[in-house]
Amino acid sequence: ELAKLAKDSRVPEYLDTYGQVCYKLGKLDEAEKALNSAVEKQPESAAFRYHLANVYLAKDNRIKAKKILEEILNNSKNQQVEQIEEVNQLLKTL
C-alpha cells in the first residue's frame, strides 16, 4: 500500500525513497524510472542524482553513471553535496 503511494507520488522525496527501495530489492528498471522522475522534479538534488548513478552502475551502464557523477561534481561548487566523497570514489572505479 505505501509502496504504491510512493510509486505514484509527485513528491520527489517519495519517488527517491521508492527508487532506493527498488534498487535494494534488485528491481533496477523500476528504480531507474522512479529516480528519473525524482530527478526531473528536483534536478538540483545531488542525492537523487547519486542514487540514479548507482542504479546505472548496477545495470552496467557506466557511461550514464559517469555522466551523472561528473555533473554532481561540476555542480557541487554551487551547493553542499553530502556524498562528495562517495561520488569521487565511484568515479575512480569508472
C-alpha atoms as a PDB file:
ATOM      1  CA  GLU A   1       0.000   0.000   0.000  1.00  0.00           C
ATOM      2  CA  LEU A   2       2.689   2.517   0.987  1.00  0.00           C
ATOM      3  CA  ALA A   3       4.881   1.436  -1.926  1.00  0.00           C
ATOM      4  CA  LYS A   4       2.054   2.178  -4.365  1.00  0.00           C
ATOM      5  CA  LEU A   5       1.576   5.627  -2.844  1.00  0.00           C
ATOM      6  CA  ALA A   6       5.300   6.375  -3.174  1.00  0.00           C
ATOM      7  CA  LYS A   7       5.485   4.932  -6.685  1.00  0.00           C
ATOM      8  CA  ASP A   8       2.600   7.091  -7.898  1.00  0.00           C
ATOM      9  CA  SER A   9       3.660  10.166  -5.950  1.00  0.00           C
ATOM     10  CA  ARG A  10       4.510  13.549  -7.396  1.00  0.00           C
ATOM     11  CA  VAL A  11       6.713  14.284  -4.385  1.00  0.00           C
ATOM     12  CA  PRO A  12      10.347  13.830  -5.435  1.00  0.00           C
ATOM     13  CA  GLU A  13      11.480  12.696  -1.978  1.00  0.00           C
ATOM     14  CA  TYR A  14       8.939   9.853  -2.033  1.00  0.00           C
ATOM     15  CA  LEU A  15       9.999   8.854  -5.529  1.00  0.00           C
ATOM     16  CA  ASP A  16      13.616   8.843  -4.421  1.00  0.00           C
ATOM     17  CA  THR A  17      12.817   6.654  -1.420  1.00  0.00           C
ATOM     18  CA  TYR A  18      10.790   4.290  -3.576  1.00  0.00           C
ATOM     19  CA  GLY A  19      13.617   4.152  -6.105  1.00  0.00           C
ATOM     20  CA  GLN A  20      16.121   3.359  -3.371  1.00  0.00           C
ATOM     21  CA  VAL A  21      13.927   0.525  -2.068  1.00  0.00           C
ATOM     22  CA  CYS A  22      13.575  -0.889  -5.581  1.00  0.00           C
ATOM     23  CA  TYR A  23      17.347  -0.626  -6.056  1.00  0.00           C
ATOM     24  CA  LYS A  24      17.989  -2.541  -2.834  1.00  0.00           C
ATOM     25  CA  LEU A  25      15.487  -5.206  -3.924  1.00  0.00           C
ATOM     26  CA  GLY A  26      17.153  -5.548  -7.332  1.00  0.00           C
ATOM     27  CA  LYS A  27      14.190  -4.069  -9.222  1.00  0.00           C
ATOM     28  CA  LEU A  28      16.509  -1.910 -11.276  1.00  0.00           C
ATOM     29  CA  ASP A  29      14.131  -0.878 -14.072  1.00  0.00           C
ATOM     30  CA  GLU A  30      11.560   0.270 -11.536  1.00  0.00           C
ATOM     31  CA  ALA A  31      14.272   2.037  -9.529  1.00  0.00           C
ATOM     32  CA  GLU A  32      15.524   3.818 -12.644  1.00  0.00           C
ATOM     33  CA  LYS A  33      12.033   5.013 -13.532  1.00  0.00           C
ATOM     34  CA  ALA A  34      11.291   6.336 -10.027  1.00  0.00           C
ATOM     35  CA  LEU A  35      14.681   8.023  -9.657  1.00  0.00           C
ATOM     36  CA  ASN A  36      14.476   9.601 -13.107  1.00  0.00           C
ATOM     37  CA  SER A  37      11.109  11.059 -12.079  1.00  0.00           C
ATOM     38  CA  ALA A  38      12.600  12.377  -8.841  1.00  0.00           C
ATOM     39  CA  VAL A  39      15.491  13.986 -10.741  1.00  0.00           C
ATOM     40  CA  GLU A  40      13.105  15.527 -13.295  1.00  0.00           C
ATOM     41  CA  LYS A  41      11.063  17.070 -10.489  1.00  0.00           C
ATOM     42  CA  GLN A  42      14.074  18.247  -8.492  1.00  0.00           C
ATOM     43  CA  PRO A  43      17.100  18.376 -10.832  1.00  0.00           C
ATOM     44  CA  GLU A  44      19.260  20.280  -8.356  1.00  0.00           C
ATOM     45  CA  SER A  45      19.270  17.340  -5.914  1.00  0.00           C
ATOM     46  CA  ALA A  46      22.713  15.760  -5.877  1.00  0.00           C
ATOM     47  CA  ALA A  47      21.389  12.953  -3.672  1.00  0.00           C
ATOM     48  CA  PHE A  48      18.738  11.932  -6.208  1.00  0.00           C
ATOM     49  CA  ARG A  49      21.328  12.012  -8.998  1.00  0.00           C
ATOM     50  CA  TYR A  50      23.767   9.976  -6.918  1.00  0.00           C
ATOM     51  CA  HIS A  51      21.108   7.329  -6.306  1.00  0.00           C
ATOM     52  CA  LEU A  52      20.325   7.230 -10.026  1.00  0.00           C
ATOM     53  CA  ALA A  53      24.027   6.834 -10.856  1.00  0.00           C
ATOM     54  CA  ASN A  54      24.155   3.820  -8.544  1.00  0.00           C
ATOM     55  CA  VAL A  55      21.252   2.250 -10.419  1.00  0.00           C
ATOM     56  CA  TYR A  56      23.033   2.815 -13.736  1.00  0.00           C
ATOM     57  CA  LEU A  57      26.154   1.188 -12.316  1.00  0.00           C
ATOM     58  CA  ALA A  58      24.108  -1.798 -11.158  1.00  0.00           C
ATOM     59  CA  LYS A  59      22.698  -2.030 -14.693  1.00  0.00           C
ATOM     60  CA  ASP A  60      26.263  -1.860 -16.044  1.00  0.00           C
ATOM     61  CA  ASN A  61      25.591   1.439 -17.799  1.00  0.00           C
ATOM     62  CA  ARG A  62      28.892   3.031 -16.896  1.00  0.00           C
ATOM     63  CA  ILE A  63      28.574   5.857 -19.427  1.00  0.00           C
ATOM     64  CA  LYS A  64      25.347   7.234 -17.922  1.00  0.00           C
ATOM     65  CA  ALA A  65      26.634   6.717 -14.389  1.00  0.00           C
ATOM     66  CA  LYS A  66      29.861   8.571 -15.128  1.00  0.00           C
ATOM     67  CA  LYS A  67      27.997  11.454 -16.764  1.00  0.00           C
ATOM     68  CA  ILE A  68      25.752  11.904 -13.728  1.00  0.00           C
ATOM     69  CA  LEU A  69      28.636  11.656 -11.256  1.00  0.00           C
ATOM     70  CA  GLU A  70      30.627  14.250 -13.207  1.00  0.00           C
ATOM     71  CA  GLU A  71      27.586  16.557 -13.263  1.00  0.00           C
ATOM     72  CA  ILE A  72      27.309  16.214  -9.487  1.00  0.00           C
ATOM     73  CA  LEU A  73      30.954  17.214  -9.065  1.00  0.00           C
ATOM     74  CA  ASN A  74      30.667  20.105 -11.515  1.00  0.00           C
ATOM     75  CA  ASN A  75      27.615  21.446  -9.710  1.00  0.00           C
ATOM     76  CA  SER A  76      28.957  20.788  -6.221  1.00  0.00           C
ATOM     77  CA  LYS A  77      30.670  24.165  -6.202  1.00  0.00           C
ATOM     78  CA  ASN A  78      27.231  25.786  -6.049  1.00  0.00           C
ATOM     79  CA  GLN A  79      25.711  23.522  -3.420  1.00  0.00           C
ATOM     80  CA  GLN A  80      26.585  21.375  -0.472  1.00  0.00           C
ATOM     81  CA  VAL A  81      26.921  17.776  -1.596  1.00  0.00           C
ATOM     82  CA  GLU A  82      26.925  15.273   1.246  1.00  0.00           C
ATOM     83  CA  GLN A  83      28.008  12.385  -0.970  1.00  0.00           C
ATOM     84  CA  ILE A  84      31.028  14.137  -2.468  1.00  0.00           C
ATOM     85  CA  GLU A  85      33.491  11.531  -1.178  1.00  0.00           C
ATOM     86  CA  GLU A  86      31.315   8.673  -2.445  1.00  0.00           C
ATOM     87  CA  VAL A  87      30.976  10.409  -5.815  1.00  0.00           C
ATOM     88  CA  ASN A  88      34.749  10.751  -6.096  1.00  0.00           C
ATOM     89  CA  GLN A  89      35.268   7.107  -5.146  1.00  0.00           C
ATOM     90  CA  LEU A  90      32.719   5.860  -7.672  1.00  0.00           C
ATOM     91  CA  LEU A  91      34.261   7.968 -10.428  1.00  0.00           C
ATOM     92  CA  LYS A  92      37.646   6.394  -9.730  1.00  0.00           C
ATOM     93  CA  THR A  93      36.162   2.980 -10.494  1.00  0.00           C
ATOM     94  CA  LEU A  94      34.884   4.035 -13.925  1.00  0.00           C
END
